[in-house]
Structures are given as C-alpha cells and as structure tokens.
Amino acid sequence: MFVSHAGLPSGLVSRQDWKDFIDDTEKEIAALETAWADYLQHHEATAEDQLRFETVRDRLQEIREDALVKWRSMRGNKPGLAC
C-alpha cells in the first residue's frame, strides 16, 4: 500500500488492516531515509532539501503514531501487547 503523508486512510476496519498499514508506513519511512542517504552521497543538499525531507519524514512518523493509537484502541488488544 502506498502511504500518503496526507493522513490516515478511511477504509481500514480491522486490527489487521491497521497493523498492515503501520507496517507499510514503517517501510515507507525506511525507504525515504534510504533514498535521502543515497541522495546525500551524490549531491549537496540545500537547507530547503533538508527541510522537505524532515517535513515528509516527520509527517509519516506522526501518521504511524496516529495509526498505532487507533490499532491499540481496537477491541481485543491486551495491555503491553507489542506492535
């Protein structure tokens, strides 16, 4: 699933849907960080480039945290259950 930095999707209904979305978001963050590291090896980043990267990464991390809150709040989740 493509994870948009626009926000949480509306079609997720089950805990597994949310877990899959969280996993996809984590993969998207990792891919972004890898692409950024690769870019930095070949280019000199401007302050604007750095800000753009940080803004998108931070937004994806916020979305992941929001999804974790939703996932944990769903019925059947036991306290202390790791994601």
PDB file of N, CA and C in Angstrom:
ATOM      1  N   MET A   1       0.852  -1.179   0.000  1.00  0.00           N
ATOM      2  CA  MET A   1       0.000   0.000   0.000  1.00  0.00           C
ATOM      3  C   MET A   1       0.892   1.235   0.000  1.00  0.00           C
ATOM      4  N   PHE A   2       0.564   2.184  -0.831  1.00  0.00           N
ATOM      5  CA  PHE A   2       1.258   3.469  -0.804  1.00  0.00           C
ATOM      6  C   PHE A   2       0.740   4.260   0.385  1.00  0.00           C
ATOM      7  N   VAL A   3       1.637   4.789   1.153  1.00  0.00           N
ATOM      8  CA  VAL A   3       1.267   5.587   2.320  1.00  0.00           C
ATOM      9  C   VAL A   3       1.401   7.052   1.954  1.00  0.00           C
ATOM     10  N   SER A   4       0.303   7.763   2.027  1.00  0.00           N
ATOM     11  CA  SER A   4       0.309   9.188   1.720  1.00  0.00           C
ATOM     12  C   SER A   4       0.596   9.983   2.979  1.00  0.00           C
ATOM     13  N   HIS A   5       1.388  11.024   2.839  1.00  0.00           N
ATOM     14  CA  HIS A   5       1.645  11.861   4.012  1.00  0.00           C
ATOM     15  C   HIS A   5       0.485  12.812   4.284  1.00  0.00           C
ATOM     16  N   ALA A   6      -0.615  12.632   3.547  1.00  0.00           N
ATOM     17  CA  ALA A   6      -1.801  13.462   3.756  1.00  0.00           C
ATOM     18  C   ALA A   6      -2.558  13.080   5.026  1.00  0.00           C
ATOM     19  N   GLY A   7      -2.461  11.829   5.449  1.00  0.00           N
ATOM     20  CA  GLY A   7      -3.157  11.434   6.662  1.00  0.00           C
ATOM     21  C   GLY A   7      -3.573   9.984   6.650  1.00  0.00           C
ATOM     22  N   LEU A   8      -4.331   9.606   7.667  1.00  0.00           N
ATOM     23  CA  LEU A   8      -4.787   8.228   7.789  1.00  0.00           C
ATOM     24  C   LEU A   8      -5.833   7.913   6.730  1.00  0.00           C
ATOM     25  N   PRO A   9      -5.791   6.703   6.167  1.00  0.00           N
ATOM     26  CA  PRO A   9      -6.804   6.309   5.190  1.00  0.00           C
ATOM     27  C   PRO A   9      -8.135   6.032   5.882  1.00  0.00           C
ATOM     28  N   SER A  10      -9.215   6.082   5.134  1.00  0.00           N
ATOM     29  CA  SER A  10     -10.540   5.899   5.729  1.00  0.00           C
ATOM     30  C   SER A  10     -11.059   4.468   5.624  1.00  0.00           C
ATOM     31  N   GLY A  11     -10.459   3.616   4.816  1.00  0.00           N
ATOM     32  CA  GLY A  11     -11.025   2.297   4.568  1.00  0.00           C
ATOM     33  C   GLY A  11     -10.529   1.178   5.460  1.00  0.00           C
ATOM     34  N   LEU A  12      -9.791   1.479   6.509  1.00  0.00           N
ATOM     35  CA  LEU A  12      -9.264   0.432   7.375  1.00  0.00           C
ATOM     36  C   LEU A  12     -10.271   0.121   8.474  1.00  0.00           C
ATOM     37  N   VAL A  13     -10.653  -1.164   8.585  1.00  0.00           N
ATOM     38  CA  VAL A  13     -11.691  -1.509   9.557  1.00  0.00           C
ATOM     39  C   VAL A  13     -11.241  -2.517  10.610  1.00  0.00           C
ATOM     40  N   SER A  14     -10.337  -3.402  10.263  1.00  0.00           N
ATOM     41  CA  SER A  14      -9.931  -4.431  11.226  1.00  0.00           C
ATOM     42  C   SER A  14      -8.584  -4.088  11.849  1.00  0.00           C
ATOM     43  N   ARG A  15      -8.287  -4.769  12.947  1.00  0.00           N
ATOM     44  CA  ARG A  15      -6.970  -4.589  13.579  1.00  0.00           C
ATOM     45  C   ARG A  15      -5.869  -4.965  12.603  1.00  0.00           C
ATOM     46  N   GLN A  16      -6.100  -6.024  11.818  1.00  0.00           N
ATOM     47  CA  GLN A  16      -5.079  -6.454  10.863  1.00  0.00           C
ATOM     48  C   GLN A  16      -4.873  -5.397   9.783  1.00  0.00           C
ATOM     49  N   ASP A  17      -5.962  -4.753   9.341  1.00  0.00           N
ATOM     50  CA  ASP A  17      -5.826  -3.653   8.375  1.00  0.00           C
ATOM     51  C   ASP A  17      -4.909  -2.572   8.934  1.00  0.00           C
ATOM     52  N   TRP A  18      -5.144  -2.210  10.187  1.00  0.00           N
ATOM     53  CA  TRP A  18      -4.325  -1.168  10.821  1.00  0.00           C
ATOM     54  C   TRP A  18      -2.889  -1.627  11.001  1.00  0.00           C
ATOM     55  N   LYS A  19      -2.687  -2.887  11.389  1.00  0.00           N
ATOM     56  CA  LYS A  19      -1.335  -3.423  11.549  1.00  0.00           C
ATOM     57  C   LYS A  19      -0.601  -3.402  10.210  1.00  0.00           C
ATOM     58  N   ASP A  20      -1.280  -3.808   9.145  1.00  0.00           N
ATOM     59  CA  ASP A  20      -0.668  -3.784   7.815  1.00  0.00           C
ATOM     60  C   ASP A  20      -0.305  -2.358   7.414  1.00  0.00           C
ATOM     61  N   PHE A  21      -1.189  -1.412   7.727  1.00  0.00           N
ATOM     62  CA  PHE A  21      -0.920  -0.010   7.414  1.00  0.00           C
ATOM     63  C   PHE A  21       0.293   0.496   8.198  1.00  0.00           C
ATOM     64  N   ILE A  22       0.379   0.131   9.465  1.00  0.00           N
ATOM     65  CA  ILE A  22       1.530   0.527  10.287  1.00  0.00           C
ATOM     66  C   ILE A  22       2.815  -0.045   9.687  1.00  0.00           C
ATOM     67  N   ASP A  23       2.774  -1.316   9.317  1.00  0.00           N
ATOM     68  CA  ASP A  23       3.950  -1.940   8.696  1.00  0.00           C
ATOM     69  C   ASP A  23       4.330  -1.223   7.402  1.00  0.00           C
ATOM     70  N   ASP A  24       3.336  -0.909   6.579  1.00  0.00           N
ATOM     71  CA  ASP A  24       3.601  -0.198   5.326  1.00  0.00           C
ATOM     72  C   ASP A  24       4.184   1.190   5.587  1.00  0.00           C
ATOM     73  N   THR A  25       3.684   1.850   6.616  1.00  0.00           N
ATOM     74  CA  THR A  25       4.194   3.180   6.958  1.00  0.00           C
ATOM     75  C   THR A  25       5.648   3.095   7.404  1.00  0.00           C
ATOM     76  N   GLU A  26       5.960   2.085   8.202  1.00  0.00           N
ATOM     77  CA  GLU A  26       7.349   1.896   8.632  1.00  0.00           C
ATOM     78  C   GLU A  26       8.262   1.631   7.436  1.00  0.00           C
ATOM     79  N   LYS A  27       7.787   0.855   6.478  1.00  0.00           N
ATOM     80  CA  LYS A  27       8.569   0.591   5.259  1.00  0.00           C
ATOM     81  C   LYS A  27       8.757   1.870   4.446  1.00  0.00           C
ATOM     82  N   GLU A  28       7.719   2.668   4.386  1.00  0.00           N
ATOM     83  CA  GLU A  28       7.798   3.931   3.645  1.00  0.00           C
ATOM     84  C   GLU A  28       8.815   4.877   4.295  1.00  0.00           C
ATOM     85  N   ILE A  29       8.812   4.944   5.615  1.00  0.00           N
ATOM     86  CA  ILE A  29       9.788   5.781   6.334  1.00  0.00           C
ATOM     87  C   ILE A  29      11.201   5.271   6.064  1.00  0.00           C
ATOM     88  N   ALA A  30      11.388   3.964   6.150  1.00  0.00           N
ATOM     89  CA  ALA A  30      12.716   3.381   5.902  1.00  0.00           C
ATOM     90  C   ALA A  30      13.175   3.655   4.472  1.00  0.00           C
ATOM     91  N   ALA A  31      12.273   3.527   3.506  1.00  0.00           N
ATOM     92  CA  ALA A  31      12.627   3.789   2.108  1.00  0.00           C
ATOM     93  C   ALA A  31      12.992   5.254   1.904  1.00  0.00           C
ATOM     94  N   LEU A  32      12.247   6.139   2.537  1.00  0.00           N
ATOM     95  CA  LEU A  32      12.536   7.569   2.439  1.00  0.00           C
ATOM     96  C   LEU A  32      13.915   7.875   3.020  1.00  0.00           C
ATOM     97  N   GLU A  33      14.210   7.310   4.182  1.00  0.00           N
ATOM     98  CA  GLU A  33      15.508   7.548   4.818  1.00  0.00           C
ATOM     99  C   GLU A  33      16.652   6.974   3.982  1.00  0.00           C
ATOM    100  N   THR A  34      16.437   5.816   3.371  1.00  0.00           N
ATOM    101  CA  THR A  34      17.451   5.222   2.497  1.00  0.00           C
ATOM    102  C   THR A  34      17.676   6.086   1.266  1.00  0.00           C
ATOM    103  N   ALA A  35      16.592   6.546   0.660  1.00  0.00           N
ATOM    104  CA  ALA A  35      16.707   7.403  -0.524  1.00  0.00           C
ATOM    105  C   ALA A  35      17.415   8.711  -0.179  1.00  0.00           C
ATOM    106  N   TRP A  36      17.120   9.253   0.983  1.00  0.00           N
ATOM    107  CA  TRP A  36      17.760  10.501   1.409  1.00  0.00           C
ATOM    108  C   TRP A  36      19.260  10.290   1.620  1.00  0.00           C
ATOM    109  N   ALA A  37      19.622   9.197   2.269  1.00  0.00           N
ATOM    110  CA  ALA A  37      21.044   8.896   2.486  1.00  0.00           C
ATOM    111  C   ALA A  37      21.768   8.725   1.153  1.00  0.00           C
ATOM    112  N   ASP A  38      21.127   8.063   0.204  1.00  0.00           N
ATOM    113  CA  ASP A  38      21.713   7.890  -1.125  1.00  0.00           C
ATOM    114  C   ASP A  38      21.871   9.241  -1.819  1.00  0.00           C
ATOM    115  N   TYR A  39      20.859  10.069  -1.716  1.00  0.00           N
ATOM    116  CA  TYR A  39      20.914  11.407  -2.311  1.00  0.00           C
ATOM    117  C   TYR A  39      22.091  12.199  -1.739  1.00  0.00           C
ATOM    118  N   LEU A  40      22.262  12.125  -0.431  1.00  0.00           N
ATOM    119  CA  LEU A  40      23.339  12.873   0.223  1.00  0.00           C
ATOM    120  C   LEU A  40      24.730  12.394  -0.197  1.00  0.00           C
ATOM    121  N   GLN A  41      24.836  11.139  -0.596  1.00  0.00           N
ATOM    122  CA  GLN A  41      26.130  10.630  -1.058  1.00  0.00           C
ATOM    123  C   GLN A  41      26.520  11.215  -2.410  1.00  0.00           C
ATOM    124  N   HIS A  42      25.535  11.645  -3.190  1.00  0.00           N
ATOM    125  CA  HIS A  42      25.807  12.093  -4.556  1.00  0.00           C
ATOM    126  C   HIS A  42      25.540  13.574  -4.788  1.00  0.00           C
ATOM    127  N   HIS A  43      24.902  14.223  -3.839  1.00  0.00           N
ATOM    128  CA  HIS A  43      24.520  15.625  -4.005  1.00  0.00           C
ATOM    129  C   HIS A  43      24.779  16.399  -2.716  1.00  0.00           C
ATOM    130  N   GLU A  44      24.891  17.676  -2.867  1.00  0.00           N
ATOM    131  CA  GLU A  44      24.959  18.547  -1.695  1.00  0.00           C
ATOM    132  C   GLU A  44      23.553  19.079  -1.451  1.00  0.00           C
ATOM    133  N   ALA A  45      22.994  18.707  -0.325  1.00  0.00           N
ATOM    134  CA  ALA A  45      21.620  19.102  -0.017  1.00  0.00           C
ATOM    135  C   ALA A  45      21.570  20.556   0.427  1.00  0.00           C
ATOM    136  N   THR A  46      20.541  21.233  -0.024  1.00  0.00           N
ATOM    137  CA  THR A  46      20.305  22.598   0.431  1.00  0.00           C
ATOM    138  C   THR A  46      19.480  22.546   1.713  1.00  0.00           C
ATOM    139  N   ALA A  47      19.383  23.666   2.373  1.00  0.00           N
ATOM    140  CA  ALA A  47      18.540  23.753   3.572  1.00  0.00           C
ATOM    141  C   ALA A  47      17.092  23.432   3.209  1.00  0.00           C
ATOM    142  N   GLU A  48      16.688  23.844   2.015  1.00  0.00           N
ATOM    143  CA  GLU A  48      15.320  23.560   1.558  1.00  0.00           C
ATOM    144  C   GLU A  48      15.121  22.055   1.352  1.00  0.00           C
ATOM    145  N   ASP A  49      16.120  21.388   0.773  1.00  0.00           N
ATOM    146  CA  ASP A  49      16.051  19.931   0.604  1.00  0.00           C
ATOM    147  C   ASP A  49      15.922  19.239   1.959  1.00  0.00           C
ATOM    148  N   GLN A  50      16.755  19.652   2.900  1.00  0.00           N
ATOM    149  CA  GLN A  50      16.746  19.057   4.240  1.00  0.00           C
ATOM    150  C   GLN A  50      15.389  19.263   4.914  1.00  0.00           C
ATOM    151  N   LEU A  51      14.856  20.459   4.804  1.00  0.00           N
ATOM    152  CA  LEU A  51      13.555  20.752   5.398  1.00  0.00           C
ATOM    153  C   LEU A  51      12.458  19.906   4.760  1.00  0.00           C
ATOM    154  N   ARG A  52      12.500  19.753   3.445  1.00  0.00           N
ATOM    155  CA  ARG A  52      11.496  18.946   2.742  1.00  0.00           C
ATOM    156  C   ARG A  52      11.551  17.498   3.232  1.00  0.00           C
ATOM    157  N   PHE A  53      12.759  16.944   3.304  1.00  0.00           N
ATOM    158  CA  PHE A  53      12.927  15.575   3.800  1.00  0.00           C
ATOM    159  C   PHE A  53      12.385  15.443   5.222  1.00  0.00           C
ATOM    160  N   GLU A  54      12.793  16.344   6.104  1.00  0.00           N
ATOM    161  CA  GLU A  54      12.370  16.268   7.505  1.00  0.00           C
ATOM    162  C   GLU A  54      10.861  16.425   7.647  1.00  0.00           C
ATOM    163  N   THR A  55      10.274  17.294   6.843  1.00  0.00           N
ATOM    164  CA  THR A  55       8.829  17.514   6.908  1.00  0.00           C
ATOM    165  C   THR A  55       8.065  16.251   6.521  1.00  0.00           C
ATOM    166  N   VAL A  56       8.472  15.624   5.421  1.00  0.00           N
ATOM    167  CA  VAL A  56       7.788  14.410   4.969  1.00  0.00           C
ATOM    168  C   VAL A  56       8.021  13.275   5.962  1.00  0.00           C
ATOM    169  N   ARG A  57       9.267  13.087   6.407  1.00  0.00           N
ATOM    170  CA  ARG A  57       9.571  12.024   7.367  1.00  0.00           C
ATOM    171  C   ARG A  57       8.790  12.228   8.667  1.00  0.00           C
ATOM    172  N   ASP A  58       8.789  13.447   9.180  1.00  0.00           N
ATOM    173  CA  ASP A  58       8.078  13.727  10.427  1.00  0.00           C
ATOM    174  C   ASP A  58       6.585  13.485  10.276  1.00  0.00           C
ATOM    175  N   ARG A  59       6.031  13.849   9.122  1.00  0.00           N
ATOM    176  CA  ARG A  59       4.594  13.635   8.892  1.00  0.00           C
ATOM    177  C   ARG A  59       4.284  12.143   8.843  1.00  0.00           C
ATOM    178  N   LEU A  60       5.130  11.370   8.170  1.00  0.00           N
ATOM    179  CA  LEU A  60       4.920   9.920   8.132  1.00  0.00           C
ATOM    180  C   LEU A  60       5.029   9.318   9.531  1.00  0.00           C
ATOM    181  N   GLN A  61       5.940   9.819  10.345  1.00  0.00           N
ATOM    182  CA  GLN A  61       6.063   9.331  11.719  1.00  0.00           C
ATOM    183  C   GLN A  61       4.825   9.685  12.543  1.00  0.00           C
ATOM    184  N   GLU A  62       4.266  10.869  12.320  1.00  0.00           N
ATOM    185  CA  GLU A  62       3.021  11.254  13.003  1.00  0.00           C
ATOM    186  C   GLU A  62       1.880  10.331  12.594  1.00  0.00           C
ATOM    187  N   ILE A  63       1.800  10.033  11.304  1.00  0.00           N
ATOM    188  CA  ILE A  63       0.748   9.138  10.808  1.00  0.00           C
ATOM    189  C   ILE A  63       0.911   7.755  11.430  1.00  0.00           C
ATOM    190  N   ARG A  64       2.146   7.279  11.521  1.00  0.00           N
ATOM    191  CA  ARG A  64       2.406   5.984  12.145  1.00  0.00           C
ATOM    192  C   ARG A  64       1.945   6.002  13.599  1.00  0.00           C
ATOM    193  N   GLU A  65       2.272   7.049  14.325  1.00  0.00           N
ATOM    194  CA  GLU A  65       1.858   7.146  15.728  1.00  0.00           C
ATOM    195  C   GLU A  65       0.336   7.191  15.850  1.00  0.00           C
ATOM    196  N   ASP A  66      -0.329   7.945  14.984  1.00  0.00           N
ATOM    197  CA  ASP A  66      -1.794   8.002  14.998  1.00  0.00           C
ATOM    198  C   ASP A  66      -2.393   6.624  14.714  1.00  0.00           C
ATOM    199  N   ALA A  67      -1.792   5.905  13.770  1.00  0.00           N
ATOM    200  CA  ALA A  67      -2.271   4.563  13.436  1.00  0.00           C
ATOM    201  C   ALA A  67      -2.047   3.605  14.604  1.00  0.00           C
ATOM    202  N   LEU A  68      -0.925   3.741  15.293  1.00  0.00           N
ATOM    203  CA  LEU A  68      -0.673   2.902  16.471  1.00  0.00           C
ATOM    204  C   LEU A  68      -1.712   3.147  17.558  1.00  0.00           C
ATOM    205  N   VAL A  69      -2.062   4.398  17.772  1.00  0.00           N
ATOM    206  CA  VAL A  69      -3.096   4.729  18.759  1.00  0.00           C
ATOM    207  C   VAL A  69      -4.410   4.058  18.368  1.00  0.00           C
ATOM    208  N   LYS A  70      -4.776   4.158  17.106  1.00  0.00           N
ATOM    209  CA  LYS A  70      -6.015   3.545  16.620  1.00  0.00           C
ATOM    210  C   LYS A  70      -5.949   2.026  16.779  1.00  0.00           C
ATOM    211  N   TRP A  71      -4.823   1.433  16.366  1.00  0.00           N
ATOM    212  CA  TRP A  71      -4.649  -0.017  16.451  1.00  0.00           C
ATOM    213  C   TRP A  71      -4.765  -0.497  17.894  1.00  0.00           C
ATOM    214  N   ARG A  72      -4.114   0.217  18.810  1.00  0.00           N
ATOM    215  CA  ARG A  72      -4.135  -0.175  20.225  1.00  0.00           C
ATOM    216  C   ARG A  72      -5.513   0.002  20.856  1.00  0.00           C
ATOM    217  N   SER A  73      -6.300   0.926  20.326  1.00  0.00           N
ATOM    218  CA  SER A  73      -7.613   1.202  20.911  1.00  0.00           C
ATOM    219  C   SER A  73      -8.676   0.197  20.471  1.00  0.00           C
ATOM    220  N   MET A  74      -8.359  -0.593  19.473  1.00  0.00           N
ATOM    221  CA  MET A  74      -9.356  -1.534  18.964  1.00  0.00           C
ATOM    222  C   MET A  74      -9.529  -2.698  19.925  1.00  0.00           C
ATOM    223  N   ARG A  75     -10.722  -3.220  19.970  1.00  0.00           N
ATOM    224  CA  ARG A  75     -11.082  -4.318  20.852  1.00  0.00           C
ATOM    225  C   ARG A  75     -10.166  -5.521  20.633  1.00  0.00           C
ATOM    226  N   GLY A  76      -9.837  -6.178  21.713  1.00  0.00           N
ATOM    227  CA  GLY A  76      -9.019  -7.375  21.629  1.00  0.00           C
ATOM    228  C   GLY A  76      -7.547  -7.120  21.860  1.00  0.00           C
ATOM    229  N   ASN A  77      -7.170  -5.860  21.959  1.00  0.00           N
ATOM    230  CA  ASN A  77      -5.766  -5.557  22.220  1.00  0.00           C
ATOM    231  C   ASN A  77      -5.527  -5.634  23.719  1.00  0.00           C
ATOM    232  N   LYS A  78      -4.516  -6.365  24.107  1.00  0.00           N
ATOM    233  CA  LYS A  78      -4.195  -6.508  25.519  1.00  0.00           C
ATOM    234  C   LYS A  78      -3.112  -5.514  25.899  1.00  0.00           C
ATOM    235  N   PRO A  79      -3.180  -4.947  27.088  1.00  0.00           N
ATOM    236  CA  PRO A  79      -2.126  -4.027  27.528  1.00  0.00           C
ATOM    237  C   PRO A  79      -0.761  -4.700  27.432  1.00  0.00           C
ATOM    238  N   GLY A  80       0.197  -3.956  26.964  1.00  0.00           N
ATOM    239  CA  GLY A  80       1.550  -4.473  26.855  1.00  0.00           C
ATOM    240  C   GLY A  80       1.819  -5.258  25.589  1.00  0.00           C
ATOM    241  N   LEU A  81       0.803  -5.455  24.761  1.00  0.00           N
ATOM    242  CA  LEU A  81       0.992  -6.185  23.512  1.00  0.00           C
ATOM    243  C   LEU A  81       1.846  -5.358  22.574  1.00  0.00           C
ATOM    244  N   ALA A  82       2.932  -5.918  22.153  1.00  0.00           N
ATOM    245  CA  ALA A  82       3.841  -5.192  21.258  1.00  0.00           C
ATOM    246  C   ALA A  82       3.273  -5.171  19.854  1.00  0.00           C
ATOM    247  N   CYS A  83       3.593  -4.115  19.146  1.00  0.00           N
ATOM    248  CA  CYS A  83       3.151  -3.969  17.769  1.00  0.00           C
ATOM    249  C   CYS A  83       3.945  -4.885  16.884  1.00  0.00           C
TER     250      CYS A  83
END
